[in-house]
Protein backbone atom coordinates (compact mmCIF):
# COMPACT_ATOMS: atom_id res chain seq x y z
CA MET A 1 -20.42 1.54 25.81
CA THR A 2 -18.36 -0.09 23.05
CA PRO A 3 -14.78 1.19 22.94
CA LEU A 4 -13.53 2.79 19.73
CA PHE A 5 -10.08 1.76 18.61
CA HIS A 6 -7.97 4.15 16.55
CA GLY A 7 -4.25 4.11 15.91
CA SER A 8 -1.63 1.53 15.02
CA ALA A 9 1.52 -0.06 16.44
CA ILE A 10 3.93 -2.91 15.79
CA CYS A 11 4.54 -5.25 18.71
CA ASP A 12 6.93 -8.11 19.36
CA VAL A 13 5.24 -11.48 19.86
CA ASP A 14 6.98 -14.07 22.05
CA ALA A 15 6.79 -17.86 21.61
CA GLU A 16 3.68 -18.09 23.83
CA GLY A 17 1.87 -15.32 21.92
CA ASN A 18 2.36 -12.61 24.53
CA VAL A 19 2.44 -9.01 23.34
CA THR A 20 2.57 -5.68 25.11
CA VAL A 21 -0.79 -3.93 24.77
CA PRO A 22 -0.30 -1.07 22.30
CA GLU A 23 -0.95 2.34 23.84
CA PHE A 24 -3.89 3.13 21.53
CA LEU A 25 -5.54 -0.14 22.57
CA ALA A 26 -4.90 0.38 26.28
CA ASP A 27 -6.41 3.88 26.06
CA ALA A 28 -9.65 2.50 24.57
CA LEU A 29 -10.09 -0.49 26.89
CA PRO A 30 -11.85 -0.32 30.23
CA ALA A 31 -9.35 -0.85 33.05
CA ASP A 32 -11.22 -3.98 34.20
CA ALA A 33 -11.23 -5.69 30.77
CA ALA A 34 -9.63 -9.02 31.73
CA GLU A 35 -9.94 -10.47 28.25
CA LEU A 36 -10.83 -9.64 24.70
CA VAL A 37 -12.13 -11.78 21.86
CA VAL A 38 -9.98 -12.52 18.83
CA ALA A 39 -11.12 -14.19 15.62
CA ARG A 40 -10.12 -14.72 12.02
CA HIS A 41 -11.24 -11.73 9.96
CA ASP A 42 -14.03 -12.57 7.50
CA SER A 43 -12.49 -10.91 4.47
CA ASP A 44 -8.89 -9.92 5.19
CA ALA A 45 -5.80 -12.01 5.95
CA CYS A 46 -5.65 -10.90 9.58
CA LEU A 47 -7.27 -11.33 12.96
CA ILE A 48 -9.99 -9.12 14.41
CA GLY A 49 -10.27 -8.29 18.09
CA TYR A 50 -13.01 -6.69 20.15
CA GLY A 51 -14.49 -6.52 23.63
CA ARG A 52 -16.63 -9.40 24.90
CA GLU A 53 -19.67 -7.11 25.03
CA ARG A 54 -19.71 -7.13 21.21
CA LEU A 55 -20.60 -10.86 21.12
CA THR A 56 -24.25 -10.10 21.94
CA GLU A 57 -24.39 -7.55 19.13
CA LEU A 58 -22.86 -10.04 16.67
CA ALA A 59 -25.41 -12.71 17.63
CA ALA A 60 -28.31 -10.28 17.19
CA ARG A 61 -26.99 -9.12 13.82
CA ALA A 62 -26.60 -12.73 12.65
CA GLU A 63 -30.16 -13.56 13.74
CA ARG A 64 -31.57 -10.56 11.83
CA ARG A 65 -29.66 -11.66 8.76
CA ARG A 66 -30.89 -15.26 9.13
CA GLN A 67 -34.47 -14.08 9.42
CA ALA A 68 -34.14 -11.90 6.30
CA GLU A 69 -32.61 -14.79 4.34
CA GLU A 70 -35.37 -17.12 5.53
CA ASP A 71 -38.03 -14.55 4.54
CA ARG A 72 -36.51 -14.44 1.04
CA GLY A 73 -36.59 -18.24 0.87
CA GLU A 74 -32.80 -18.52 0.84
CA ASP A 75 -30.85 -21.49 2.13
CA VAL A 76 -30.22 -20.89 5.85
CA ARG A 77 -27.04 -23.00 5.84
CA ASN A 78 -25.16 -19.75 5.27
CA HIS A 79 -26.39 -18.67 8.69
CA TYR A 80 -24.77 -21.66 10.35
CA HIS A 81 -21.51 -21.07 8.48
CA ARG A 82 -21.52 -17.45 9.71
CA MET A 83 -22.29 -18.52 13.28
CA ARG A 84 -19.47 -21.06 13.21
CA ARG A 85 -17.01 -18.48 11.86
CA THR A 86 -18.16 -15.83 14.33
CA PHE A 87 -18.30 -17.95 17.48
CA GLY A 88 -16.38 -21.16 16.75
CA LEU A 89 -13.39 -19.61 14.99
CA SER A 90 -12.76 -17.18 17.80
CA ASP A 91 -11.03 -17.41 21.14
CA ARG A 92 -10.44 -15.54 24.35
CA MET A 93 -7.43 -13.27 24.44
CA PRO A 94 -6.48 -12.88 28.12
CA ARG A 95 -5.14 -9.55 29.33
CA HIS A 96 -2.74 -9.37 32.27
CA ASP A 97 -1.77 -5.83 33.19
CA ASN A 98 -0.12 -4.46 30.05
CA ARG A 99 0.10 -7.82 28.22
CA LEU A 100 -2.20 -9.76 25.92
CA ARG A 101 -1.82 -13.38 24.91
CA ILE A 102 -2.86 -14.21 21.36
CA PRO A 103 -3.98 -17.87 21.44
CA GLU A 104 -1.95 -20.34 19.38
CA ALA A 105 -4.81 -21.30 17.06
CA MET A 106 -5.51 -17.64 16.30
CA ARG A 107 -1.82 -16.95 15.65
CA HIS A 108 -1.92 -19.86 13.20
CA LEU A 109 -5.06 -18.57 11.44
CA GLY A 110 -3.66 -15.02 11.24
CA ARG A 111 -0.14 -16.18 10.34
CA ILE A 112 1.17 -14.10 13.24
CA GLU A 113 4.82 -14.81 13.94
CA ARG A 114 7.40 -12.66 15.77
CA LEU A 115 5.76 -9.32 14.99
CA ALA A 116 2.14 -8.15 14.99
CA LEU A 117 0.78 -4.97 13.47
CA PHE A 118 -2.19 -3.77 15.53
CA VAL A 119 -4.57 -1.43 13.67
CA GLY A 120 -7.62 0.32 15.05
CA ALA A 121 -10.83 -0.25 13.07
CA GLY A 122 -13.48 1.61 15.06
CA ASP A 123 -15.43 -0.83 17.23
CA SER A 124 -12.76 -3.48 16.64
CA PHE A 125 -9.05 -3.73 15.94
CA GLU A 126 -7.06 -5.87 13.57
CA ILE A 127 -3.89 -7.86 14.15
CA TRP A 128 -1.76 -8.37 11.05
CA ASN A 129 1.43 -10.15 10.17
CA PRO A 130 3.25 -7.01 8.93
CA ASP A 131 4.65 -8.85 5.90
CA ILE A 132 1.11 -9.74 4.82
CA ALA A 133 -0.02 -6.14 5.42
CA LEU A 134 2.67 -5.04 2.95
CA GLU A 135 0.81 -7.08 0.29
CA SER A 136 -2.61 -5.50 0.97
CA ASP A 137 -4.63 -4.16 -1.95
CA ASP A 138 -5.08 -0.94 0.08
CA ALA A 139 -2.18 1.35 -0.92
CA MET A 140 -2.51 3.62 2.14
CA PHE A 141 -2.54 0.61 4.46
CA ARG A 142 0.58 -0.80 2.75
CA GLU A 143 2.23 2.58 3.29
CA LEU A 144 1.31 2.53 7.00
CA ALA A 145 2.70 -1.01 7.40
CA ALA A 146 5.93 -0.04 5.64
CA PHE A 147 6.26 3.06 7.83
CA ARG A 148 5.71 1.11 11.06
CA LEU A 149 8.27 -1.53 10.01
CA ARG A 150 10.81 1.14 9.00
CA MET A 151 10.36 3.01 12.30
CA ARG A 152 10.84 -0.24 14.22
CA ARG A 153 14.04 -1.05 12.28
CA ASP A 154 15.36 2.50 12.83
CA ARG A 155 14.87 2.16 16.59
CA ASN A 156 16.37 -1.33 16.58
CA PRO A 157 19.03 -1.24 13.82
CA LYS A 158 20.84 -4.41 14.87
CA GLY A 159 17.64 -6.46 15.05
CA VAL A 160 18.04 -7.13 18.79
CA GLN A 161 14.78 -8.41 20.24
């Protein structure tokens, strides 16, 4: 069964990309999930994460889309672009106990620096640079990002990491 991710949290990211698994994420993951998949989001300026079991579903969905495009006589090159984005622009995100490591290339693509805003998105979760989340065109999401940043500052007023 695919886990459902709901909730949000801001986490510190160290120089190697290690973060503490947010509680909402840990609650949704099977205890034996040794790694997750992380990729650049298709439409937003963030990363998307999900369980490895979702890869099969993504491949099947892409094949159905390719077949429909082919049936309509459309250029199938779009299929190969999608496959490259889905499988080539993704990486393994190892999990060790209560820690995840966001790979360097993914941190680069998602512009993740010292903080990461994790946001549940149903069968996946997103990882945002909180400063970029504050610029989202979604007003409620901007409000959530501002709240999470404010709560973090209030708990850590001197900025001690």
